Every structure is written in C-alpha cells, then in structure tokens.
PDB file of N, CA and C in Angstrom:
ATOM      1  N   MET A   1     138.225  91.368  57.171  1.00  0.00           N
ATOM      2  CA  MET A   1     138.065  92.144  58.396  1.00  0.00           C
ATOM      3  C   MET A   1     136.872  93.092  58.265  1.00  0.00           C
ATOM      4  N   ASN A   2     136.790  93.806  57.156  1.00  0.00           N
ATOM      5  CA  ASN A   2     135.723  94.766  56.936  1.00  0.00           C
ATOM      6  C   ASN A   2     134.371  94.054  56.836  1.00  0.00           C
ATOM      7  N   GLU A   3     134.366  92.880  56.179  1.00  0.00           N
ATOM      8  CA  GLU A   3     133.116  92.119  56.052  1.00  0.00           C
ATOM      9  C   GLU A   3     132.653  91.626  57.418  1.00  0.00           C
ATOM     10  N   GLU A   4     133.600  91.245  58.245  1.00  0.00           N
ATOM     11  CA  GLU A   4     133.272  90.770  59.585  1.00  0.00           C
ATOM     12  C   GLU A   4     132.629  91.884  60.419  1.00  0.00           C
ATOM     13  N   ILE A   5     133.148  93.085  60.296  1.00  0.00           N
ATOM     14  CA  ILE A   5     132.579  94.236  61.015  1.00  0.00           C
ATOM     15  C   ILE A   5     131.164  94.516  60.515  1.00  0.00           C
ATOM     16  N   LEU A   6     130.966  94.477  59.206  1.00  0.00           N
ATOM     17  CA  LEU A   6     129.641  94.726  58.640  1.00  0.00           C
ATOM     18  C   LEU A   6     128.649  93.644  59.070  1.00  0.00           C
ATOM     19  N   LEU A   7     129.092  92.405  59.111  1.00  0.00           N
ATOM     20  CA  LEU A   7     128.237  91.305  59.541  1.00  0.00           C
ATOM     21  C   LEU A   7     127.834  91.485  61.011  1.00  0.00           C
ATOM     22  N   THR A   8     128.793  91.833  61.843  1.00  0.00           N
ATOM     23  CA  THR A   8     128.514  92.075  63.263  1.00  0.00           C
ATOM     24  C   THR A   8     127.577  93.260  63.437  1.00  0.00           C
ATOM     25  N   LEU A   9     127.799  94.293  62.662  1.00  0.00           N
ATOM     26  CA  LEU A   9     126.932  95.466  62.716  1.00  0.00           C
ATOM     27  C   LEU A   9     125.503  95.101  62.303  1.00  0.00           C
ATOM     28  N   GLY A  10     125.374  94.277  61.303  1.00  0.00           N
ATOM     29  CA  GLY A  10     124.047  93.819  60.857  1.00  0.00           C
ATOM     30  C   GLY A  10     123.341  93.030  61.945  1.00  0.00           C
ATOM     31  N   ARG A  11     124.084  92.175  62.635  1.00  0.00           N
ATOM     32  CA  ARG A  11     123.497  91.411  63.734  1.00  0.00           C
ATOM     33  C   ARG A  11     123.038  92.332  64.863  1.00  0.00           C
ATOM     34  N   LEU A  12     123.851  93.304  65.165  1.00  0.00           N
ATOM     35  CA  LEU A  12     123.487  94.261  66.215  1.00  0.00           C
ATOM     36  C   LEU A  12     122.232  95.048  65.833  1.00  0.00           C
ATOM     37  N   GLU A  13     122.151  95.469  64.580  1.00  0.00           N
ATOM     38  CA  GLU A  13     120.965  96.194  64.119  1.00  0.00           C
ATOM     39  C   GLU A  13     119.722  95.315  64.245  1.00  0.00           C
ATOM     40  N   GLY A  14     119.855  94.054  63.917  1.00  0.00           N
ATOM     41  CA  GLY A  14     118.735  93.129  64.045  1.00  0.00           C
ATOM     42  C   GLY A  14     118.289  92.975  65.492  1.00  0.00           C
ATOM     43  N   LYS A  15     119.243  92.883  66.385  1.00  0.00           N
ATOM     44  CA  LYS A  15     118.914  92.760  67.799  1.00  0.00           C
ATOM     45  C   LYS A  15     118.252  94.033  68.327  1.00  0.00           C
ATOM     46  N   VAL A  16     118.745  95.174  67.906  1.00  0.00           N
ATOM     47  CA  VAL A  16     118.149  96.442  68.333  1.00  0.00           C
ATOM     48  C   VAL A  16     116.724  96.555  67.804  1.00  0.00           C
ATOM     49  N   ASP A  17     116.506  96.156  66.554  1.00  0.00           N
ATOM     50  CA  ASP A  17     115.151  96.178  65.982  1.00  0.00           C
ATOM     51  C   ASP A  17     114.217  95.270  66.779  1.00  0.00           C
ATOM     52  N   ALA A  18     114.694  94.089  67.133  1.00  0.00           N
ATOM     53  CA  ALA A  18     113.880  93.157  67.911  1.00  0.00           C
ATOM     54  C   ALA A  18     113.569  93.738  69.290  1.00  0.00           C
ATOM     55  N   MET A  19     114.530  94.381  69.904  1.00  0.00           N
ATOM     56  CA  MET A  19     114.315  95.003  71.208  1.00  0.00           C
ATOM     57  C   MET A  19     113.312  96.145  71.113  1.00  0.00           C
ATOM     58  N   MET A  20     113.392  96.925  70.053  1.00  0.00           N
ATOM     59  CA  MET A  20     112.448  98.038  69.866  1.00  0.00           C
ATOM     60  C   MET A  20     111.030  97.507  69.674  1.00  0.00           C
ATOM     61  N   THR A  21     110.882  96.426  68.933  1.00  0.00           N
ATOM     62  CA  THR A  21     109.565  95.820  68.739  1.00  0.00           C
ATOM     63  C   THR A  21     109.019  95.322  70.067  1.00  0.00           C
ATOM     64  N   SER A  22     109.862  94.661  70.840  1.00  0.00           N
ATOM     65  CA  SER A  22     109.459  94.167  72.148  1.00  0.00           C
ATOM     66  C   SER A  22     109.062  95.322  73.070  1.00  0.00           C
ATOM     67  N   LEU A  23     109.823  96.400  73.017  1.00  0.00           N
ATOM     68  CA  LEU A  23     109.530  97.569  73.847  1.00  0.00           C
ATOM     69  C   LEU A  23     108.177  98.174  73.477  1.00  0.00           C
ATOM     70  N   ARG A  24     107.878  98.273  72.186  1.00  0.00           N
ATOM     71  CA  ARG A  24     106.581  98.805  71.748  1.00  0.00           C
ATOM     72  C   ARG A  24     105.442  97.938  72.254  1.00  0.00           C
ATOM     73  N   MET A  25     105.617  96.631  72.183  1.00  0.00           N
ATOM     74  CA  MET A  25     104.575  95.715  72.668  1.00  0.00           C
ATOM     75  C   MET A  25     104.376  95.867  74.173  1.00  0.00           C
ATOM     76  N   GLN A  26     105.450  96.019  74.910  1.00  0.00           N
ATOM     77  CA  GLN A  26     105.355  96.194  76.359  1.00  0.00           C
ATOM     78  C   GLN A  26     104.689  97.520  76.706  1.00  0.00           C
ATOM     79  N   GLU A  27     104.981  98.559  75.936  1.00  0.00           N
ATOM     80  CA  GLU A  27     104.337  99.853  76.167  1.00  0.00           C
ATOM     81  C   GLU A  27     102.830  99.759  75.943  1.00  0.00           C
ATOM     82  N   GLN A  28     102.411  99.041  74.912  1.00  0.00           N
ATOM     83  CA  GLN A  28     100.984  98.858  74.654  1.00  0.00           C
ATOM     84  C   GLN A  28     100.327  98.084  75.792  1.00  0.00           C
ATOM     85  N   GLU A  29     100.984  97.044  76.256  1.00  0.00           N
ATOM     86  CA  GLU A  29     100.455  96.247  77.362  1.00  0.00           C
ATOM     87  C   GLU A  29     100.366  97.086  78.633  1.00  0.00           C
ATOM     88  N   LEU A  30     101.363  97.918  78.873  1.00  0.00           N
ATOM     89  CA  LEU A  30     101.360  98.780  80.050  1.00  0.00           C
ATOM     90  C   LEU A  30     100.191  99.765  79.994  1.00  0.00           C
ATOM     91  N   LYS A  31      99.936 100.343  78.829  1.00  0.00           N
ATOM     92  CA  LYS A  31      98.808 101.263  78.680  1.00  0.00           C
ATOM     93  C   LYS A  31      97.491 100.550  78.963  1.00  0.00           C
ATOM     94  N   LEU A  32      97.352  99.328  78.472  1.00  0.00           N
ATOM     95  CA  LEU A  32      96.143  98.551  78.721  1.00  0.00           C
ATOM     96  C   LEU A  32      95.970  98.262  80.215  1.00  0.00           C
ATOM     97  N   LEU A  33      97.050  97.874  80.873  1.00  0.00           N
ATOM     98  CA  LEU A  33      96.985  97.579  82.303  1.00  0.00           C
ATOM     99  C   LEU A  33      96.678  98.841  83.120  1.00  0.00           C
ATOM    100  N   GLU A  34      97.260  99.967  82.731  1.00  0.00           N
ATOM    101  CA  GLU A  34      96.975 101.227  83.428  1.00  0.00           C
ATOM    102  C   GLU A  34      95.500 101.585  83.302  1.00  0.00           C
ATOM    103  N   LYS A  35      94.925 101.350  82.129  1.00  0.00           N
ATOM    104  CA  LYS A  35      93.509 101.633  81.914  1.00  0.00           C
ATOM    105  C   LYS A  35      92.650 100.732  82.797  1.00  0.00           C
ATOM    106  N   ARG A  36      92.996  99.457  82.846  1.00  0.00           N
ATOM    107  CA  ARG A  36      92.233  98.510  83.666  1.00  0.00           C
ATOM    108  C   ARG A  36      92.316  98.883  85.147  1.00  0.00           C
ATOM    109  N   ILE A  37      93.493  99.252  85.616  1.00  0.00           N
ATOM    110  CA  ILE A  37      93.665  99.640  87.013  1.00  0.00           C
ATOM    111  C   ILE A  37      92.854 100.892  87.319  1.00  0.00           C
ATOM    112  N   ARG A  38      92.887 101.875  86.424  1.00  0.00           N
ATOM    113  CA  ARG A  38      92.131 103.108  86.607  1.00  0.00           C
ATOM    114  C   ARG A  38      90.634 102.810  86.718  1.00  0.00           C
ATOM    115  N   GLU A  39      90.138 101.915  85.859  1.00  0.00           N
ATOM    116  CA  GLU A  39      88.723 101.546  85.906  1.00  0.00           C
ATOM    117  C   GLU A  39      88.369 100.856  87.219  1.00  0.00           C
ATOM    118  N   LEU A  40      89.242  99.970  87.689  1.00  0.00           N
ATOM    119  CA  LEU A  40      89.005  99.301  88.971  1.00  0.00           C
ATOM    120  C   LEU A  40      89.010 100.292  90.129  1.00  0.00           C
ATOM    121  N   GLU A  41      89.949 101.224  90.103  1.00  0.00           N
ATOM    122  CA  GLU A  41      90.011 102.228  91.171  1.00  0.00           C
ATOM    123  C   GLU A  41      88.763 103.099  91.169  1.00  0.00           C
ATOM    124  N   ASN A  42      88.302 103.488  89.993  1.00  0.00           N
ATOM    125  CA  ASN A  42      87.100 104.315  89.907  1.00  0.00           C
ATOM    126  C   ASN A  42      85.871 103.560  90.391  1.00  0.00           C
ATOM    127  N   SER A  43      85.740 102.300  89.994  1.00  0.00           N
ATOM    128  CA  SER A  43      84.572 101.534  90.437  1.00  0.00           C
ATOM    129  C   SER A  43      84.614 101.313  91.948  1.00  0.00           C
ATOM    130  N   ARG A  44      85.789 101.108  92.483  1.00  0.00           N
ATOM    131  CA  ARG A  44      85.919 100.942  93.937  1.00  0.00           C
ATOM    132  C   ARG A  44      85.535 102.227  94.655  1.00  0.00           C
ATOM    133  N   ALA A  45      85.952 103.363  94.128  1.00  0.00           N
ATOM    134  CA  ALA A  45      85.602 104.642  94.749  1.00  0.00           C
ATOM    135  C   ALA A  45      84.087 104.846  94.740  1.00  0.00           C
ATOM    136  N   TRP A  46      83.446 104.496  93.626  1.00  0.00           N
ATOM    137  CA  TRP A  46      81.987 104.621  93.550  1.00  0.00           C
ATOM    138  C   TRP A  46      81.312 103.708  94.566  1.00  0.00           C
ATOM    139  N   MET A  47      81.790 102.475  94.700  1.00  0.00           N
ATOM    140  CA  MET A  47      81.186 101.536  95.651  1.00  0.00           C
ATOM    141  C   MET A  47      81.361 102.025  97.089  1.00  0.00           C
ATOM    142  N   LEU A  48      82.525 102.539  97.414  1.00  0.00           N
ATOM    143  CA  LEU A  48      82.751 103.044  98.764  1.00  0.00           C
ATOM    144  C   LEU A  48      81.868 104.257  99.046  1.00  0.00           C
ATOM    145  N   GLY A  49      81.715 105.108  98.054  1.00  0.00           N
ATOM    146  CA  GLY A  49      80.833 106.262  98.210  1.00  0.00           C
ATOM    147  C   GLY A  49      79.393 105.839  98.403  1.00  0.00           C
ATOM    148  N   ALA A  50      78.952 104.880  97.608  1.00  0.00           N
ATOM    149  CA  ALA A  50      77.579 104.375  97.744  1.00  0.00           C
ATOM    150  C   ALA A  50      77.382 103.725  99.105  1.00  0.00           C
ATOM    151  N   ALA A  51      78.367 102.979  99.570  1.00  0.00           N
ATOM    152  CA  ALA A  51      78.273 102.336 100.888  1.00  0.00           C
ATOM    153  C   ALA A  51      78.181 103.384 101.994  1.00  0.00           C
ATOM    154  N   ALA A  52      78.920 104.472 101.859  1.00  0.00           N
ATOM    155  CA  ALA A  52      78.879 105.535 102.862  1.00  0.00           C
ATOM    156  C   ALA A  52      77.499 106.189 102.890  1.00  0.00           C
ATOM    157  N   VAL A  53      76.928 106.439 101.718  1.00  0.00           N
ATOM    158  CA  VAL A  53      75.594 107.050 101.649  1.00  0.00           C
ATOM    159  C   VAL A  53      74.550 106.114 102.245  1.00  0.00           C
ATOM    160  N   ILE A  54      74.619 104.843 101.878  1.00  0.00           N
ATOM    161  CA  ILE A  54      73.666 103.869 102.413  1.00  0.00           C
ATOM    162  C   ILE A  54      73.796 103.764 103.929  1.00  0.00           C
ATOM    163  N   SER A  55      75.011 103.775 104.433  1.00  0.00           N
ATOM    164  CA  SER A  55      75.234 103.713 105.881  1.00  0.00           C
ATOM    165  C   SER A  55      74.663 104.947 106.573  1.00  0.00           C
ATOM    166  N   ALA A  56      74.861 106.095 105.978  1.00  0.00           N
ATOM    167  CA  ALA A  56      74.334 107.328 106.563  1.00  0.00           C
ATOM    168  C   ALA A  56      72.810 107.303 106.585  1.00  0.00           C
ATOM    169  N   ILE A  57      72.194 106.859 105.511  1.00  0.00           N
ATOM    170  CA  ILE A  57      70.732 106.778 105.452  1.00  0.00           C
ATOM    171  C   ILE A  57      70.218 105.765 106.469  1.00  0.00           C
ATOM    172  N   ALA A  58      70.865 104.613 106.546  1.00  0.00           N
ATOM    173  CA  ALA A  58      70.448 103.594 107.509  1.00  0.00           C
ATOM    174  C   ALA A  58      70.586 104.113 108.937  1.00  0.00           C
ATOM    175  N   GLY A  59      71.643 104.800 109.226  1.00  0.00           N
ATOM    176  CA  GLY A  59      71.831 105.376 110.560  1.00  0.00           C
ATOM    177  C   GLY A  59      70.768 106.396 110.888  1.00  0.00           C
ATOM    178  N   PHE A  60      70.433 107.220 109.926  1.00  0.00           N
ATOM    179  CA  PHE A  60      69.389 108.222 110.118  1.00  0.00           C
ATOM    180  C   PHE A  60      68.050 107.563 110.396  1.00  0.00           C
ATOM    181  N   ILE A  61      67.727 106.522 109.617  1.00  0.00           N
ATOM    182  CA  ILE A  61      66.450 105.813 109.795  1.00  0.00           C
ATOM    183  C   ILE A  61      66.390 105.140 111.150  1.00  0.00           C
ATOM    184  N   VAL A  62      67.458 104.462 111.525  1.00  0.00           N
ATOM    185  CA  VAL A  62      67.490 103.764 112.821  1.00  0.00           C
ATOM    186  C   VAL A  62      67.366 104.759 113.973  1.00  0.00           C
ATOM    187  N   LYS A  63      67.987 105.896 113.849  1.00  0.00           N
ATOM    188  CA  LYS A  63      67.956 106.904 114.900  1.00  0.00           C
ATOM    189  C   LYS A  63      66.565 107.485 115.086  1.00  0.00           C
ATOM    190  N   HIS A  64      65.812 107.603 114.010  1.00  0.00           N
ATOM    191  CA  HIS A  64      64.507 108.243 114.062  1.00  0.00           C
ATOM    192  C   HIS A  64      63.338 107.273 114.163  1.00  0.00           C
ATOM    193  N   ILE A  65      63.593 105.980 114.274  1.00  0.00           N
ATOM    194  CA  ILE A  65      62.526 105.007 114.477  1.00  0.00           C
ATOM    195  C   ILE A  65      62.305 104.909 115.984  1.00  0.00           C
ATOM    196  N   PRO A  66      61.056 105.079 116.410  1.00  0.00           N
ATOM    197  CA  PRO A  66      60.775 105.043 117.869  1.00  0.00           C
ATOM    198  C   PRO A  66      60.903 103.668 118.458  1.00  0.00           C
TER     199      PRO A  66
END
C-alpha cells in the first residue's frame, strides 16, 4: 500500500515537472510574440504618421499651385 502511494506520488511529480517545463516554454513564446506585435504596432504607427505628413505636404502644395 505504501509503495503504491509512493509510486503514484512519483508519477504525479513527473507530470507536474513536465507541465512546468511546458509552461516555461509557453511563457518564452508569449514574450517573443509580444515583442513581435509591439514592433509591428510601432512600425504601423510610424507609417501612418509619415502618410499623414506626406498628405499634409501634398495638400499644401496642391493648394498653392496656381
């Protein structure tokens, strides 16, 4: 009976260790994905800002051309 409990406990510890390893890997992947998303959002913001400036300049030029 006691050996059976110890064997079951050992199996549970192994499963918990495997889950912890999987969780660490998922956390690393999540950090990588968050970084990639942040970079995409920043580049998009820069492009939209540049487009707004170019549009404003083009509008100014068109308005002042006789």
